[in-house]
């Protein structure tokens, strides 16, 4: 394992922000972490964990040590009459893993196709799309303790999943490194077609609904609406969909009859943040080198040469305008280092 210094991270984050790590290392096995922990010169440094860099806003310089999780592998580890249990290493590309499960005949993750990032980040963020959250399929998460080096396994409940949230972003933040994730995928084929344009896309292509056609529909929809981070820097959906009471949702609906909202739990509603941002006038609008994407107002893009300060200046302006227009707070999704 090599520890490098003054490493340019612009290619390690999908926003393509200019950022330099003081020290940088890649982890391929737990022994790599143990070697770092036994190095007395590194113990006093601040450690940051990097996955696919698709949900991060990086500062121009990062002191301490950046650890890139690069372990690979995926396998069926068990099954019973109702479920398959599939384990994936944290460094695997998420979408590659999803497509592999479908190729193997395991379904349940098809609605989460083409979400950027690594498999290890999926439980941290509790990623979700098109009516599905990853928490519904996670059975167990294996972590490495950054303080002791010991292995810890957390079951679904212990992960404390919530909307775009988990134990790893709260009490476990900075302590645990996600090493692998085991998914419990149902053998009974349960399709989720009710969210977004999936059903419309299947009808347009005159296709019957099954896990493979749903995955293809999701991929087509995402590609038609979202920019490729290899072409234009972005972190996908930049703001969370705000959750409000029925009373607040109804009050907004009286003034804006085309408000996009969805029931959430028993009494609340989830509002479409992209719709709010669009109506606040930010779709396709720029502020310096950054802006909100012309095809999807929820996506913040880097038009070239942007810094973290540029990103947060725009994010604050957008959220402020939404608050002034609708009285609703929208929060950023990406993690701020």
C-alpha atoms as a PDB file:
ATOM      1  CA  UNK A   1       0.000   0.000   0.000  1.00  0.00           C
ATOM      2  CA  UNK A   2       1.319   3.411  -0.995  1.00  0.00           C
ATOM      3  CA  UNK A   3       0.729   6.667   0.875  1.00  0.00           C
ATOM      4  CA  UNK A   4       0.879   9.570  -1.556  1.00  0.00           C
ATOM      5  CA  UNK A   5       1.108  13.272  -0.767  1.00  0.00           C
ATOM      6  CA  UNK A   6      -0.479  16.336  -2.356  1.00  0.00           C
ATOM      7  CA  UNK A   7      -2.924  14.309  -4.466  1.00  0.00           C
ATOM      8  CA  UNK A   8      -5.324  16.074  -6.832  1.00  0.00           C
ATOM      9  CA  UNK A   9      -8.862  14.856  -6.067  1.00  0.00           C
ATOM     10  CA  UNK A  10     -10.651  16.602  -8.926  1.00  0.00           C
ATOM     11  CA  UNK A  11     -11.090  13.247 -10.674  1.00  0.00           C
ATOM     12  CA  UNK A  12     -12.198  11.555  -7.446  1.00  0.00           C
ATOM     13  CA  UNK A  13     -15.363  13.629  -7.019  1.00  0.00           C
ATOM     14  CA  UNK A  14     -18.189  13.809  -9.551  1.00  0.00           C
ATOM     15  CA  UNK A  15     -18.649  17.557  -9.052  1.00  0.00           C
ATOM     16  CA  UNK A  16     -15.089  17.846 -10.427  1.00  0.00           C
ATOM     17  CA  UNK A  17     -14.186  20.389  -7.760  1.00  0.00           C
ATOM     18  CA  UNK A  18     -10.575  21.445  -7.417  1.00  0.00           C
ATOM     19  CA  UNK A  19      -9.304  19.788  -4.250  1.00  0.00           C
ATOM     20  CA  UNK A  20      -5.971  18.507  -2.969  1.00  0.00           C
ATOM     21  CA  UNK A  21      -5.412  15.872  -0.291  1.00  0.00           C
ATOM     22  CA  UNK A  22      -2.418  16.289   2.012  1.00  0.00           C
ATOM     23  CA  UNK A  23      -2.069  12.488   2.215  1.00  0.00           C
ATOM     24  CA  UNK A  24      -3.902   9.797   0.232  1.00  0.00           C
ATOM     25  CA  UNK A  25      -4.074   5.987   0.346  1.00  0.00           C
ATOM     26  CA  UNK A  26      -6.284   3.266  -1.134  1.00  0.00           C
ATOM     27  CA  UNK A  27      -7.626   0.378   0.942  1.00  0.00           C
ATOM     28  CA  UNK A  28      -7.954  -3.058  -0.644  1.00  0.00           C
ATOM     29  CA  UNK A  29      -8.025  -5.244   2.486  1.00  0.00           C
ATOM     30  CA  UNK A  30      -8.482  -4.837   6.257  1.00  0.00           C
ATOM     31  CA  UNK A  31      -4.739  -5.392   6.630  1.00  0.00           C
ATOM     32  CA  UNK A  32      -4.176  -2.122   4.746  1.00  0.00           C
ATOM     33  CA  UNK A  33      -6.168  -0.304   7.427  1.00  0.00           C
ATOM     34  CA  UNK A  34      -4.286  -2.094  10.198  1.00  0.00           C
ATOM     35  CA  UNK A  35      -0.970  -1.000   8.652  1.00  0.00           C
ATOM     36  CA  UNK A  36      -2.125   2.612   8.675  1.00  0.00           C
ATOM     37  CA  UNK A  37      -3.317   2.349  12.265  1.00  0.00           C
ATOM     38  CA  UNK A  38       0.086   0.997  13.323  1.00  0.00           C
ATOM     39  CA  UNK A  39       1.879   3.952  11.750  1.00  0.00           C
ATOM     40  CA  UNK A  40       2.397   6.395  14.616  1.00  0.00           C
ATOM     41  CA  UNK A  41       2.972   9.313  12.225  1.00  0.00           C
ATOM     42  CA  UNK A  42      -0.559   8.933  10.857  1.00  0.00           C
ATOM     43  CA  UNK A  43      -2.478   8.549  14.119  1.00  0.00           C
ATOM     44  CA  UNK A  44      -2.477  12.270  14.850  1.00  0.00           C
ATOM     45  CA  UNK A  45      -3.905  13.133  11.429  1.00  0.00           C
ATOM     46  CA  UNK A  46      -7.552  13.693  10.569  1.00  0.00           C
ATOM     47  CA  UNK A  47      -8.885  10.769   8.476  1.00  0.00           C
ATOM     48  CA  UNK A  48     -11.564  11.106   5.789  1.00  0.00           C
ATOM     49  CA  UNK A  49     -13.199   8.189   3.954  1.00  0.00           C
ATOM     50  CA  UNK A  50     -13.772   8.470   0.213  1.00  0.00           C
ATOM     51  CA  UNK A  51     -15.998   6.205  -1.866  1.00  0.00           C
ATOM     52  CA  UNK A  52     -17.110   7.172  -5.360  1.00  0.00           C
ATOM     53  CA  UNK A  53     -17.107  10.882  -4.534  1.00  0.00           C
ATOM     54  CA  UNK A  54     -20.614  11.279  -5.954  1.00  0.00           C
ATOM     55  CA  UNK A  55     -22.209  12.760  -2.842  1.00  0.00           C
ATOM     56  CA  UNK A  56     -19.453  15.075  -1.643  1.00  0.00           C
ATOM     57  CA  UNK A  57     -18.568  18.739  -1.772  1.00  0.00           C
ATOM     58  CA  UNK A  58     -14.793  18.860  -1.307  1.00  0.00           C
ATOM     59  CA  UNK A  59     -12.881  21.924  -0.071  1.00  0.00           C
ATOM     60  CA  UNK A  60      -9.885  23.225  -2.010  1.00  0.00           C
ATOM     61  CA  UNK A  61      -7.469  21.528   0.379  1.00  0.00           C
ATOM     62  CA  UNK A  62      -7.930  18.598   2.775  1.00  0.00           C
ATOM     63  CA  UNK A  63      -5.531  18.236   5.658  1.00  0.00           C
ATOM     64  CA  UNK A  64      -4.719  14.836   7.059  1.00  0.00           C
ATOM     65  CA  UNK A  65      -5.328  11.507   5.331  1.00  0.00           C
ATOM     66  CA  UNK A  66      -7.923  10.649   2.678  1.00  0.00           C
ATOM     67  CA  UNK A  67      -8.691   6.922   2.471  1.00  0.00           C
ATOM     68  CA  UNK A  68     -10.157   5.649  -0.788  1.00  0.00           C
ATOM     69  CA  UNK A  69     -12.101   2.399  -0.264  1.00  0.00           C
ATOM     70  CA  UNK A  70     -11.241   0.185  -3.251  1.00  0.00           C
ATOM     71  CA  UNK A  71     -12.053  -3.399  -2.195  1.00  0.00           C
ATOM     72  CA  UNK A  72     -13.851  -5.478  -4.838  1.00  0.00           C
ATOM     73  CA  UNK A  73     -16.116  -8.518  -4.983  1.00  0.00           C
ATOM     74  CA  UNK A  74     -19.735  -9.663  -4.962  1.00  0.00           C
ATOM     75  CA  UNK A  75     -21.309 -13.066  -4.298  1.00  0.00           C
ATOM     76  CA  UNK A  76     -24.380 -14.981  -3.243  1.00  0.00           C
ATOM     77  CA  UNK A  77     -23.638 -16.015   0.343  1.00  0.00           C
ATOM     78  CA  UNK A  78     -26.904 -17.786   1.250  1.00  0.00           C
ATOM     79  CA  UNK A  79     -30.523 -18.292   0.298  1.00  0.00           C
ATOM     80  CA  UNK A  80     -33.709 -19.760   1.701  1.00  0.00           C
ATOM     81  CA  UNK A  81     -37.193 -20.334   0.313  1.00  0.00           C
ATOM     82  CA  UNK A  82     -38.015 -16.607   0.407  1.00  0.00           C
ATOM     83  CA  UNK A  83     -34.780 -14.652  -0.069  1.00  0.00           C
ATOM     84  CA  UNK A  84     -31.349 -14.453  -1.659  1.00  0.00           C
ATOM     85  CA  UNK A  85     -28.551 -13.008   0.494  1.00  0.00           C
ATOM     86  CA  UNK A  86     -25.993 -11.203  -1.651  1.00  0.00           C
ATOM     87  CA  UNK A  87     -22.806  -9.604  -0.324  1.00  0.00           C
ATOM     88  CA  UNK A  88     -20.958  -6.795  -2.107  1.00  0.00           C
ATOM     89  CA  UNK A  89     -17.642  -5.188  -1.181  1.00  0.00           C
ATOM     90  CA  UNK A  90     -17.763  -1.459  -0.465  1.00  0.00           C
ATOM     91  CA  UNK A  91     -15.490  -0.421  -3.345  1.00  0.00           C
ATOM     92  CA  UNK A  92     -17.715  -1.887  -6.058  1.00  0.00           C
ATOM     93  CA  UNK A  93     -19.473   0.599  -8.346  1.00  0.00           C
ATOM     94  CA  UNK A  94     -23.115   0.629  -7.262  1.00  0.00           C
ATOM     95  CA  UNK A  95     -24.726   0.444 -10.694  1.00  0.00           C
ATOM     96  CA  UNK A  96     -22.387  -2.362 -11.784  1.00  0.00           C
ATOM     97  CA  UNK A  97     -23.526  -4.313  -8.738  1.00  0.00           C
ATOM     98  CA  UNK A  98     -27.233  -3.687  -9.447  1.00  0.00           C
ATOM     99  CA  UNK A  99     -26.894  -4.849 -13.048  1.00  0.00           C
ATOM    100  CA  UNK A 100     -24.938  -7.921 -11.905  1.00  0.00           C
ATOM    101  CA  UNK A 101     -27.745  -8.926  -9.519  1.00  0.00           C
ATOM    102  CA  UNK A 102     -30.223  -8.788 -12.390  1.00  0.00           C
ATOM    103  CA  UNK A 103     -27.919 -10.813 -14.627  1.00  0.00           C
ATOM    104  CA  UNK A 104     -27.792 -13.461 -11.888  1.00  0.00           C
ATOM    105  CA  UNK A 105     -31.589 -13.501 -11.645  1.00  0.00           C
ATOM    106  CA  UNK A 106     -31.792 -11.681  -8.294  1.00  0.00           C
ATOM    107  CA  UNK A 107     -34.225  -8.780  -8.253  1.00  0.00           C
ATOM    108  CA  UNK A 108     -35.240  -6.034  -5.844  1.00  0.00           C
ATOM    109  CA  UNK A 109     -32.697  -3.303  -6.649  1.00  0.00           C
ATOM    110  CA  UNK A 110     -33.781  -2.507 -10.218  1.00  0.00           C
ATOM    111  CA  UNK A 111     -35.364   0.866  -9.307  1.00  0.00           C
ATOM    112  CA  UNK A 112     -31.965   1.962  -7.972  1.00  0.00           C
ATOM    113  CA  UNK A 113     -30.198   1.526 -11.312  1.00  0.00           C
ATOM    114  CA  UNK A 114     -27.678   4.147 -12.444  1.00  0.00           C
ATOM    115  CA  UNK A 115     -27.372   5.881  -9.073  1.00  0.00           C
ATOM    116  CA  UNK A 116     -23.737   7.034  -9.003  1.00  0.00           C
ATOM    117  CA  UNK A 117     -21.279   6.045  -6.301  1.00  0.00           C
ATOM    118  CA  UNK A 118     -20.032   2.905  -4.614  1.00  0.00           C
ATOM    119  CA  UNK A 119     -21.862   0.101  -2.848  1.00  0.00           C
ATOM    120  CA  UNK A 120     -20.272   1.090   0.462  1.00  0.00           C
ATOM    121  CA  UNK A 121     -21.915   4.499   0.337  1.00  0.00           C
ATOM    122  CA  UNK A 122     -25.405   3.059  -0.194  1.00  0.00           C
ATOM    123  CA  UNK A 123     -26.206   2.401   3.494  1.00  0.00           C
ATOM    124  CA  UNK A 124     -24.532   5.617   4.653  1.00  0.00           C
ATOM    125  CA  UNK A 125     -26.816   7.777   2.528  1.00  0.00           C
ATOM    126  CA  UNK A 126     -29.727   5.316   2.461  1.00  0.00           C
ATOM    127  CA  UNK A 127     -29.881   5.953  -1.274  1.00  0.00           C
ATOM    128  CA  UNK A 128     -33.262   5.892  -2.932  1.00  0.00           C
ATOM    129  CA  UNK A 129     -35.064   6.537  -6.205  1.00  0.00           C
ATOM    130  CA  UNK A 130     -38.363   5.806  -7.922  1.00  0.00           C
ATOM    131  CA  UNK A 131     -40.215   4.712  -4.805  1.00  0.00           C
ATOM    132  CA  UNK A 132     -37.485   2.454  -3.368  1.00  0.00           C
ATOM    133  CA  UNK A 133     -34.909   3.019  -0.613  1.00  0.00           C
ATOM    134  CA  UNK A 134     -31.908   0.790  -0.104  1.00  0.00           C
ATOM    135  CA  UNK A 135     -32.813   0.287   3.575  1.00  0.00           C
ATOM    136  CA  UNK A 136     -35.641  -1.988   2.444  1.00  0.00           C
ATOM    137  CA  UNK A 137     -33.117  -4.525   1.130  1.00  0.00           C
ATOM    138  CA  UNK A 138     -30.114  -4.250   3.470  1.00  0.00           C
ATOM    139  CA  UNK A 139     -29.677  -7.192   5.806  1.00  0.00           C
ATOM    140  CA  UNK A 140     -26.280  -6.488   7.373  1.00  0.00           C
ATOM    141  CA  UNK A 141     -23.395  -4.011   7.095  1.00  0.00           C
ATOM    142  CA  UNK A 142     -19.821  -4.937   7.978  1.00  0.00           C
ATOM    143  CA  UNK A 143     -17.711  -2.043   9.266  1.00  0.00           C
ATOM    144  CA  UNK A 144     -14.118  -1.522  10.317  1.00  0.00           C
ATOM    145  CA  UNK A 145     -13.582   0.513  13.464  1.00  0.00           C
ATOM    146  CA  UNK A 146     -11.176   3.333  12.579  1.00  0.00           C
ATOM    147  CA  UNK A 147     -10.079   3.569  16.206  1.00  0.00           C
ATOM    148  CA  UNK A 148      -9.483  -0.075  17.095  1.00  0.00           C
ATOM    149  CA  UNK A 149      -9.361  -1.743  13.687  1.00  0.00           C
ATOM    150  CA  UNK A 150     -11.897  -4.317  14.862  1.00  0.00           C
ATOM    151  CA  UNK A 151     -14.703  -5.610  12.652  1.00  0.00           C
ATOM    152  CA  UNK A 152     -18.273  -4.761  13.590  1.00  0.00           C
ATOM    153  CA  UNK A 153     -21.476  -6.064  12.008  1.00  0.00           C
ATOM    154  CA  UNK A 154     -24.668  -4.011  12.158  1.00  0.00           C
ATOM    155  CA  UNK A 155     -28.100  -5.374  11.319  1.00  0.00           C
ATOM    156  CA  UNK A 156     -30.756  -3.308   9.572  1.00  0.00           C
ATOM    157  CA  UNK A 157     -32.218  -1.877  12.770  1.00  0.00           C
ATOM    158  CA  UNK A 158     -28.817  -0.936  14.157  1.00  0.00           C
ATOM    159  CA  UNK A 159     -28.118   1.102  11.011  1.00  0.00           C
ATOM    160  CA  UNK A 160     -30.869   3.519  12.149  1.00  0.00           C
ATOM    161  CA  UNK A 161     -32.027   4.266   8.614  1.00  0.00           C
ATOM    162  CA  UNK A 162     -34.102   7.349   7.857  1.00  0.00           C
ATOM    163  CA  UNK A 163     -34.722   9.445   4.750  1.00  0.00           C
ATOM    164  CA  UNK A 164     -31.247   9.948   3.238  1.00  0.00           C
ATOM    165  CA  UNK A 165     -29.811   9.281   6.665  1.00  0.00           C
ATOM    166  CA  UNK A 166     -28.308   6.538   8.812  1.00  0.00           C
ATOM    167  CA  UNK A 167     -26.236   5.759  11.899  1.00  0.00           C
ATOM    168  CA  UNK A 168     -23.109   6.256   9.778  1.00  0.00           C
ATOM    169  CA  UNK A 169     -23.910   9.955   9.263  1.00  0.00           C
ATOM    170  CA  UNK A 170     -24.674  10.530  12.944  1.00  0.00           C
ATOM    171  CA  UNK A 171     -23.325   8.609  15.973  1.00  0.00           C
ATOM    172  CA  UNK A 172     -21.085   6.455  13.772  1.00  0.00           C
ATOM    173  CA  UNK A 173     -19.683   9.323  11.704  1.00  0.00           C
ATOM    174  CA  UNK A 174     -15.879   9.335  11.669  1.00  0.00           C
ATOM    175  CA  UNK A 175     -15.710   6.087  13.610  1.00  0.00           C
ATOM    176  CA  UNK A 176     -16.733   3.342  11.193  1.00  0.00           C
ATOM    177  CA  UNK A 177     -15.696   2.544   7.651  1.00  0.00           C
ATOM    178  CA  UNK A 178     -18.239   0.493   5.700  1.00  0.00           C
ATOM    179  CA  UNK A 179     -16.414  -2.555   4.325  1.00  0.00           C
ATOM    180  CA  UNK A 180     -19.174  -4.703   2.812  1.00  0.00           C
ATOM    181  CA  UNK A 181     -22.964  -4.826   2.612  1.00  0.00           C
ATOM    182  CA  UNK A 182     -25.224  -7.874   2.560  1.00  0.00           C
ATOM    183  CA  UNK A 183     -28.580  -7.499   0.825  1.00  0.00           C
ATOM    184  CA  UNK A 184     -31.677  -9.633   1.359  1.00  0.00           C
ATOM    185  CA  UNK A 185     -33.467  -9.808  -1.987  1.00  0.00           C
ATOM    186  CA  UNK A 186     -36.964 -11.342  -2.258  1.00  0.00           C
ATOM    187  CA  UNK A 187     -37.589 -14.365  -4.446  1.00  0.00           C
ATOM    188  CA  UNK A 188     -41.164 -13.195  -4.843  1.00  0.00           C
ATOM    189  CA  UNK A 189     -41.086 -10.671  -7.656  1.00  0.00           C
ATOM    190  CA  UNK A 190     -42.453  -7.396  -6.230  1.00  0.00           C
ATOM    191  CA  UNK A 191     -42.457  -4.588  -8.785  1.00  0.00           C
ATOM    192  CA  UNK A 192     -42.513  -0.866  -7.961  1.00  0.00           C
ATOM    193  CA  UNK A 193     -44.072   1.107 -10.814  1.00  0.00           C
ATOM    194  CA  UNK A 194     -45.996   3.796  -8.992  1.00  0.00           C
ATOM    195  CA  UNK A 195     -43.283   6.463  -8.765  1.00  0.00           C
ATOM    196  CA  UNK A 196     -41.976   8.804 -11.446  1.00  0.00           C
ATOM    197  CA  UNK A 197     -42.315   7.968 -15.117  1.00  0.00           C
ATOM    198  CA  UNK A 198     -41.526   4.242 -15.020  1.00  0.00           C
ATOM    199  CA  UNK A 199     -44.984   3.096 -16.067  1.00  0.00           C
ATOM    200  CA  UNK A 200     -45.136   5.732 -18.821  1.00  0.00           C
ATOM    201  CA  UNK A 201     -41.742   4.682 -20.133  1.00  0.00           C
ATOM    202  CA  UNK A 202     -42.749   1.005 -20.249  1.00  0.00           C
ATOM    203  CA  UNK A 203     -45.955   1.926 -22.082  1.00  0.00           C
ATOM    204  CA  UNK A 204     -44.007   4.103 -24.507  1.00  0.00           C
ATOM    205  CA  UNK A 205     -41.744   1.173 -25.353  1.00  0.00           C
ATOM    206  CA  UNK A 206     -44.679  -1.272 -25.249  1.00  0.00           C
ATOM    207  CA  UNK A 207     -42.880  -3.480 -22.749  1.00  0.00           C
ATOM    208  CA  UNK A 208     -44.261  -5.727 -20.047  1.00  0.00           C
ATOM    209  CA  UNK A 209     -43.068  -4.892 -16.534  1.00  0.00           C
ATOM    210  CA  UNK A 210     -40.348  -7.123 -15.113  1.00  0.00           C
ATOM    211  CA  UNK A 211     -37.127  -6.360 -13.181  1.00  0.00           C
ATOM    212  CA  UNK A 212     -35.005  -6.061 -16.315  1.00  0.00           C
ATOM    213  CA  UNK A 213     -37.392  -3.779 -18.217  1.00  0.00           C
ATOM    214  CA  UNK A 214     -37.850  -1.632 -15.100  1.00  0.00           C
ATOM    215  CA  UNK A 215     -34.079  -1.264 -14.763  1.00  0.00           C
ATOM    216  CA  UNK A 216     -33.795  -0.285 -18.420  1.00  0.00           C
ATOM    217  CA  UNK A 217     -36.652   2.218 -18.044  1.00  0.00           C
ATOM    218  CA  UNK A 218     -35.003   3.795 -14.991  1.00  0.00           C
ATOM    219  CA  UNK A 219     -31.680   4.027 -16.822  1.00  0.00           C
ATOM    220  CA  UNK A 220     -33.341   5.662 -19.830  1.00  0.00           C
ATOM    221  CA  UNK A 221     -35.224   8.161 -17.650  1.00  0.00           C
ATOM    222  CA  UNK A 222     -32.143   9.092 -15.650  1.00  0.00           C
ATOM    223  CA  UNK A 223     -29.997   9.487 -18.754  1.00  0.00           C
ATOM    224  CA  UNK A 224     -32.621  11.725 -20.374  1.00  0.00           C
ATOM    225  CA  UNK A 225     -32.879  14.013 -17.338  1.00  0.00           C
ATOM    226  CA  UNK A 226     -29.513  13.925 -15.602  1.00  0.00           C
ATOM    227  CA  UNK A 227     -26.096  15.017 -16.870  1.00  0.00           C
ATOM    228  CA  UNK A 228     -23.272  12.498 -17.155  1.00  0.00           C
ATOM    229  CA  UNK A 229     -20.710  13.492 -14.458  1.00  0.00           C
ATOM    230  CA  UNK A 230     -17.944  12.514 -16.872  1.00  0.00           C
ATOM    231  CA  UNK A 231     -19.178  15.277 -19.187  1.00  0.00           C
ATOM    232  CA  UNK A 232     -20.359  17.930 -16.743  1.00  0.00           C
ATOM    233  CA  UNK A 233     -19.553  17.877 -13.048  1.00  0.00           C
ATOM    234  CA  UNK A 234     -22.499  17.183 -10.752  1.00  0.00           C
ATOM    235  CA  UNK A 235     -23.465  15.295  -7.618  1.00  0.00           C
ATOM    236  CA  UNK A 236     -26.846  14.090  -8.827  1.00  0.00           C
ATOM    237  CA  UNK A 237     -29.836  15.350  -6.862  1.00  0.00           C
ATOM    238  CA  UNK A 238     -28.390  18.136  -4.728  1.00  0.00           C
ATOM    239  CA  UNK A 239     -31.348  18.774  -2.408  1.00  0.00           C
ATOM    240  CA  UNK A 240     -33.528  16.429  -0.395  1.00  0.00           C
ATOM    241  CA  UNK A 241     -37.251  16.371  -1.087  1.00  0.00           C
ATOM    242  CA  UNK A 242     -38.711  18.240   1.918  1.00  0.00           C
ATOM    243  CA  UNK A 243     -41.226  16.453   4.131  1.00  0.00           C
ATOM    244  CA  UNK A 244     -44.087  18.642   5.334  1.00  0.00           C
ATOM    245  CA  UNK A 245     -47.397  18.292   7.142  1.00  0.00           C
ATOM    246  CA  UNK A 246     -50.636  17.798   5.240  1.00  0.00           C
ATOM    247  CA  UNK A 247     -51.689  21.286   6.351  1.00  0.00           C
ATOM    248  CA  UNK A 248     -48.616  22.917   4.847  1.00  0.00           C
ATOM    249  CA  UNK A 249     -48.897  20.871   1.664  1.00  0.00           C
ATOM    250  CA  UNK A 250     -52.574  21.865   1.289  1.00  0.00           C
ATOM    251  CA  UNK A 251     -51.749  25.540   1.881  1.00  0.00           C
ATOM    252  CA  UNK A 252     -49.167  25.494  -0.906  1.00  0.00           C
ATOM    253  CA  UNK A 253     -51.533  23.539  -3.148  1.00  0.00           C
ATOM    254  CA  UNK A 254     -54.163  26.275  -2.846  1.00  0.00           C
ATOM    255  CA  UNK A 255     -51.755  28.766  -4.454  1.00  0.00           C
ATOM    256  CA  UNK A 256     -49.953  26.314  -6.748  1.00  0.00           C
ATOM    257  CA  UNK A 257     -52.434  23.723  -8.012  1.00  0.00           C
ATOM    258  CA  UNK A 258     -49.779  21.787  -9.972  1.00  0.00           C
ATOM    259  CA  UNK A 259     -47.584  21.176  -6.921  1.00  0.00           C
ATOM    260  CA  UNK A 260     -45.869  17.775  -7.135  1.00  0.00           C
ATOM    261  CA  UNK A 261     -46.156  15.864  -3.859  1.00  0.00           C
ATOM    262  CA  UNK A 262     -46.397  12.304  -2.583  1.00  0.00           C
ATOM    263  CA  UNK A 263     -47.871  10.852   0.630  1.00  0.00           C
ATOM    264  CA  UNK A 264     -45.160  10.082   3.181  1.00  0.00           C
ATOM    265  CA  UNK A 265     -45.823   7.787   6.121  1.00  0.00           C
ATOM    266  CA  UNK A 266     -49.270   8.335   7.623  1.00  0.00           C
ATOM    267  CA  UNK A 267     -49.844  12.091   7.862  1.00  0.00           C
ATOM    268  CA  UNK A 268     -47.067  13.870   5.974  1.00  0.00           C
ATOM    269  CA  UNK A 269     -46.214  14.624   2.364  1.00  0.00           C
ATOM    270  CA  UNK A 270     -42.931  14.663   0.460  1.00  0.00           C
ATOM    271  CA  UNK A 271     -42.658  17.613  -1.922  1.00  0.00           C
ATOM    272  CA  UNK A 272     -40.638  17.430  -5.136  1.00  0.00           C
ATOM    273  CA  UNK A 273     -37.642  19.696  -4.479  1.00  0.00           C
ATOM    274  CA  UNK A 274     -36.944  19.940  -8.213  1.00  0.00           C
ATOM    275  CA  UNK A 275     -40.431  21.373  -8.789  1.00  0.00           C
ATOM    276  CA  UNK A 276     -39.935  23.925  -6.006  1.00  0.00           C
ATOM    277  CA  UNK A 277     -36.550  25.000  -7.383  1.00  0.00           C
ATOM    278  CA  UNK A 278     -37.945  25.234 -10.910  1.00  0.00           C
ATOM    279  CA  UNK A 279     -40.837  27.432  -9.775  1.00  0.00           C
ATOM    280  CA  UNK A 280     -38.414  29.613  -7.824  1.00  0.00           C
ATOM    281  CA  UNK A 281     -36.767  30.403 -11.165  1.00  0.00           C
ATOM    282  CA  UNK A 282     -33.529  28.476 -10.858  1.00  0.00           C
ATOM    283  CA  UNK A 283     -33.864  25.794 -13.539  1.00  0.00           C
ATOM    284  CA  UNK A 284     -31.021  26.369 -16.015  1.00  0.00           C
ATOM    285  CA  UNK A 285     -29.839  29.474 -14.157  1.00  0.00           C
ATOM    286  CA  UNK A 286     -26.157  30.089 -13.397  1.00  0.00           C
ATOM    287  CA  UNK A 287     -24.342  31.808 -10.565  1.00  0.00           C
ATOM    288  CA  UNK A 288     -20.689  32.145 -11.534  1.00  0.00           C
ATOM    289  CA  UNK A 289     -19.206  28.780 -12.602  1.00  0.00           C
ATOM    290  CA  UNK A 290     -22.091  26.742 -11.150  1.00  0.00           C
ATOM    291  CA  UNK A 291     -25.807  26.488 -11.849  1.00  0.00           C
ATOM    292  CA  UNK A 292     -28.912  24.327 -11.711  1.00  0.00           C
ATOM    293  CA  UNK A 293     -29.170  21.945 -14.651  1.00  0.00           C
ATOM    294  CA  UNK A 294     -31.346  23.012 -17.569  1.00  0.00           C
ATOM    295  CA  UNK A 295     -33.152  19.665 -17.799  1.00  0.00           C
ATOM    296  CA  UNK A 296     -33.548  18.964 -14.075  1.00  0.00           C
ATOM    297  CA  UNK A 297     -33.646  21.810 -11.570  1.00  0.00           C
ATOM    298  CA  UNK A 298     -32.706  19.495  -8.701  1.00  0.00           C
ATOM    299  CA  UNK A 299     -29.191  18.929 -10.078  1.00  0.00           C
ATOM    300  CA  UNK A 300     -26.420  21.428  -9.302  1.00  0.00           C
ATOM    301  CA  UNK A 301     -23.716  21.413 -12.003  1.00  0.00           C
ATOM    302  CA  UNK A 302     -20.156  22.663 -12.290  1.00  0.00           C
ATOM    303  CA  UNK A 303     -19.698  24.452 -15.608  1.00  0.00           C
ATOM    304  CA  UNK A 304     -15.944  24.465 -15.067  1.00  0.00           C
ATOM    305  CA  UNK A 305     -13.419  25.613 -12.479  1.00  0.00           C
ATOM    306  CA  UNK A 306     -15.810  25.790  -9.534  1.00  0.00           C
ATOM    307  CA  UNK A 307     -14.810  25.605  -5.893  1.00  0.00           C
ATOM    308  CA  UNK A 308     -16.745  24.476  -2.822  1.00  0.00           C
ATOM    309  CA  UNK A 309     -17.420  28.133  -1.987  1.00  0.00           C
ATOM    310  CA  UNK A 310     -19.114  28.563  -5.390  1.00  0.00           C
ATOM    311  CA  UNK A 311     -21.291  25.518  -4.727  1.00  0.00           C
ATOM    312  CA  UNK A 312     -22.457  26.638  -1.286  1.00  0.00           C
ATOM    313  CA  UNK A 313     -23.076  30.197  -2.443  1.00  0.00           C
ATOM    314  CA  UNK A 314     -25.463  28.880  -5.097  1.00  0.00           C
ATOM    315  CA  UNK A 315     -27.052  26.321  -2.754  1.00  0.00           C
ATOM    316  CA  UNK A 316     -27.772  29.007  -0.156  1.00  0.00           C
ATOM    317  CA  UNK A 317     -29.277  31.312  -2.787  1.00  0.00           C
ATOM    318  CA  UNK A 318     -31.517  28.565  -4.176  1.00  0.00           C
ATOM    319  CA  UNK A 319     -32.715  27.360  -0.778  1.00  0.00           C
ATOM    320  CA  UNK A 320     -33.330  30.960   0.311  1.00  0.00           C
ATOM    321  CA  UNK A 321     -35.490  31.692  -2.732  1.00  0.00           C
ATOM    322  CA  UNK A 322     -37.494  28.504  -2.216  1.00  0.00           C
ATOM    323  CA  UNK A 323     -38.012  29.417   1.440  1.00  0.00           C
ATOM    324  CA  UNK A 324     -39.180  32.921   0.523  1.00  0.00           C
ATOM    325  CA  UNK A 325     -41.594  31.675  -2.141  1.00  0.00           C
ATOM    326  CA  UNK A 326     -43.074  28.591  -0.463  1.00  0.00           C
ATOM    327  CA  UNK A 327     -42.101  28.786   3.208  1.00  0.00           C
ATOM    328  CA  UNK A 328     -40.369  25.419   2.864  1.00  0.00           C
ATOM    329  CA  UNK A 329     -36.809  24.542   3.869  1.00  0.00           C
ATOM    330  CA  UNK A 330     -34.815  22.409   1.436  1.00  0.00           C
ATOM    331  CA  UNK A 331     -31.607  20.759   2.653  1.00  0.00           C
ATOM    332  CA  UNK A 332     -28.563  19.703   0.615  1.00  0.00           C
ATOM    333  CA  UNK A 333     -27.955  15.974   0.187  1.00  0.00           C
ATOM    334  CA  UNK A 334     -24.167  15.936  -0.346  1.00  0.00           C
ATOM    335  CA  UNK A 335     -21.802  15.638   2.592  1.00  0.00           C
ATOM    336  CA  UNK A 336     -19.673  18.707   3.270  1.00  0.00           C
ATOM    337  CA  UNK A 337     -16.042  18.040   4.176  1.00  0.00           C
END
